N, C-alpha and C. Protein backbone atom coordinates (compact mmCIF):
# COMPACT_ATOMS: atom_id res chain seq x y z
N MET A 1 53.14 -189.59 41.58
CA MET A 1 52.30 -190.15 42.63
C MET A 1 51.52 -189.04 43.31
N GLU A 2 50.26 -189.28 43.54
CA GLU A 2 49.39 -188.30 44.18
C GLU A 2 49.58 -188.35 45.70
N ARG A 3 49.61 -187.18 46.32
CA ARG A 3 49.77 -187.10 47.78
C ARG A 3 48.49 -187.53 48.49
N LEU A 4 48.67 -188.14 49.64
CA LEU A 4 47.54 -188.51 50.49
C LEU A 4 47.29 -187.45 51.55
N THR A 5 48.27 -186.57 51.75
CA THR A 5 48.16 -185.55 52.79
C THR A 5 48.26 -184.16 52.18
N ASP A 6 47.86 -183.19 52.95
CA ASP A 6 47.93 -181.79 52.56
C ASP A 6 49.03 -181.12 53.38
N ARG A 7 49.92 -180.42 52.72
CA ARG A 7 51.05 -179.79 53.43
C ARG A 7 50.60 -178.80 54.49
N LYS A 8 49.60 -178.00 54.16
CA LYS A 8 49.11 -176.97 55.09
C LYS A 8 48.51 -177.62 56.35
N THR A 9 47.72 -178.64 56.14
CA THR A 9 47.09 -179.35 57.26
C THR A 9 48.15 -180.01 58.14
N ALA A 10 49.12 -180.64 57.51
CA ALA A 10 50.19 -181.30 58.26
C ALA A 10 50.98 -180.30 59.09
N ALA A 11 51.26 -179.13 58.52
CA ALA A 11 52.01 -178.10 59.26
C ALA A 11 51.21 -177.61 60.47
N ALA A 12 49.90 -177.43 60.29
CA ALA A 12 49.05 -176.98 61.39
C ALA A 12 48.98 -178.04 62.49
N LEU A 13 48.84 -179.30 62.09
CA LEU A 13 48.79 -180.39 63.07
C LEU A 13 50.11 -180.51 63.82
N LYS A 14 51.22 -180.35 63.12
CA LYS A 14 52.53 -180.43 63.77
C LYS A 14 52.70 -179.31 64.79
N LYS A 15 52.29 -178.11 64.42
CA LYS A 15 52.38 -176.98 65.35
C LYS A 15 51.53 -177.24 66.60
N ASN A 16 50.33 -177.75 66.39
CA ASN A 16 49.43 -178.06 67.49
C ASN A 16 50.01 -179.17 68.38
N ALA A 17 50.54 -180.22 67.75
CA ALA A 17 51.12 -181.33 68.51
C ALA A 17 52.32 -180.87 69.33
N ASP A 18 53.16 -180.03 68.75
CA ASP A 18 54.31 -179.50 69.48
C ASP A 18 53.86 -178.69 70.70
N GLY A 19 52.82 -177.89 70.52
CA GLY A 19 52.28 -177.09 71.62
C GLY A 19 51.71 -177.96 72.73
N LEU A 20 51.01 -179.02 72.35
CA LEU A 20 50.46 -179.94 73.35
C LEU A 20 51.57 -180.62 74.14
N ARG A 21 52.61 -181.06 73.43
CA ARG A 21 53.73 -181.72 74.12
C ARG A 21 54.40 -180.79 75.11
N GLU A 22 54.54 -179.51 74.74
CA GLU A 22 55.14 -178.53 75.65
C GLU A 22 54.35 -178.41 76.94
N LYS A 23 53.04 -178.63 76.84
CA LYS A 23 52.17 -178.53 78.01
C LYS A 23 52.02 -179.87 78.73
N GLY A 24 52.70 -180.90 78.22
CA GLY A 24 52.65 -182.21 78.86
C GLY A 24 51.48 -183.07 78.45
N VAL A 25 50.83 -182.73 77.34
CA VAL A 25 49.69 -183.51 76.85
C VAL A 25 50.12 -184.28 75.60
N GLU A 26 49.81 -185.56 75.57
CA GLU A 26 50.16 -186.37 74.40
C GLU A 26 49.15 -186.12 73.28
N PRO A 27 49.62 -185.75 72.09
CA PRO A 27 48.72 -185.50 70.95
C PRO A 27 48.00 -186.77 70.51
N ASN A 28 46.91 -186.58 69.79
CA ASN A 28 46.11 -187.68 69.25
C ASN A 28 46.98 -188.52 68.30
N ILE A 29 46.91 -189.84 68.43
CA ILE A 29 47.73 -190.74 67.62
C ILE A 29 47.43 -190.59 66.13
N SER A 30 46.19 -190.33 65.77
CA SER A 30 45.87 -190.17 64.34
C SER A 30 46.53 -188.91 63.77
N ASP A 31 46.62 -187.86 64.59
CA ASP A 31 47.33 -186.65 64.15
C ASP A 31 48.80 -186.93 63.94
N LEU A 32 49.40 -187.69 64.85
CA LEU A 32 50.82 -188.03 64.73
C LEU A 32 51.07 -188.88 63.48
N ARG A 33 50.16 -189.76 63.18
CA ARG A 33 50.31 -190.59 61.97
C ARG A 33 50.20 -189.74 60.72
N TYR A 34 49.28 -188.80 60.71
CA TYR A 34 49.13 -187.90 59.56
C TYR A 34 50.41 -187.09 59.34
N ILE A 35 50.96 -186.57 60.43
CA ILE A 35 52.20 -185.80 60.35
C ILE A 35 53.33 -186.66 59.79
N LYS A 36 53.45 -187.88 60.29
CA LYS A 36 54.52 -188.78 59.84
C LYS A 36 54.36 -189.13 58.36
N LEU A 37 53.13 -189.38 57.93
CA LEU A 37 52.88 -189.68 56.52
C LEU A 37 53.23 -188.48 55.65
N ALA A 38 52.87 -187.29 56.09
CA ALA A 38 53.18 -186.09 55.32
C ALA A 38 54.69 -185.89 55.21
N GLU A 39 55.41 -186.15 56.30
CA GLU A 39 56.87 -186.03 56.27
C GLU A 39 57.46 -187.03 55.29
N TYR A 40 56.93 -188.24 55.27
CA TYR A 40 57.39 -189.26 54.33
C TYR A 40 57.13 -188.82 52.90
N GLU A 41 55.95 -188.30 52.64
CA GLU A 41 55.61 -187.83 51.29
C GLU A 41 56.51 -186.67 50.86
N ASN A 42 56.85 -185.80 51.79
CA ASN A 42 57.76 -184.69 51.48
C ASN A 42 59.12 -185.22 51.02
N ILE A 43 59.62 -186.23 51.72
CA ILE A 43 60.90 -186.84 51.35
C ILE A 43 60.80 -187.51 49.99
N GLU A 44 59.72 -188.23 49.77
CA GLU A 44 59.51 -188.93 48.49
C GLU A 44 59.50 -187.94 47.32
N GLU A 45 58.91 -186.78 47.51
CA GLU A 45 58.84 -185.79 46.44
C GLU A 45 60.22 -185.24 46.07
N MET A 46 61.12 -185.26 47.02
CA MET A 46 62.46 -184.72 46.77
C MET A 46 63.26 -185.65 45.85
N TYR A 47 62.89 -186.92 45.78
CA TYR A 47 63.65 -187.88 44.97
C TYR A 47 62.92 -188.33 43.75
């Protein structure tokens, strides 16, 4: 199965989202969805 997300992009978005949360700012919902999809794809690749 072909990935819909890029690992590098997802890692950068996750780092950015974590930084925003530390400052009390809610990250963009589309970024959070991308991160979640990438995490799901990572799990799928393991099986």
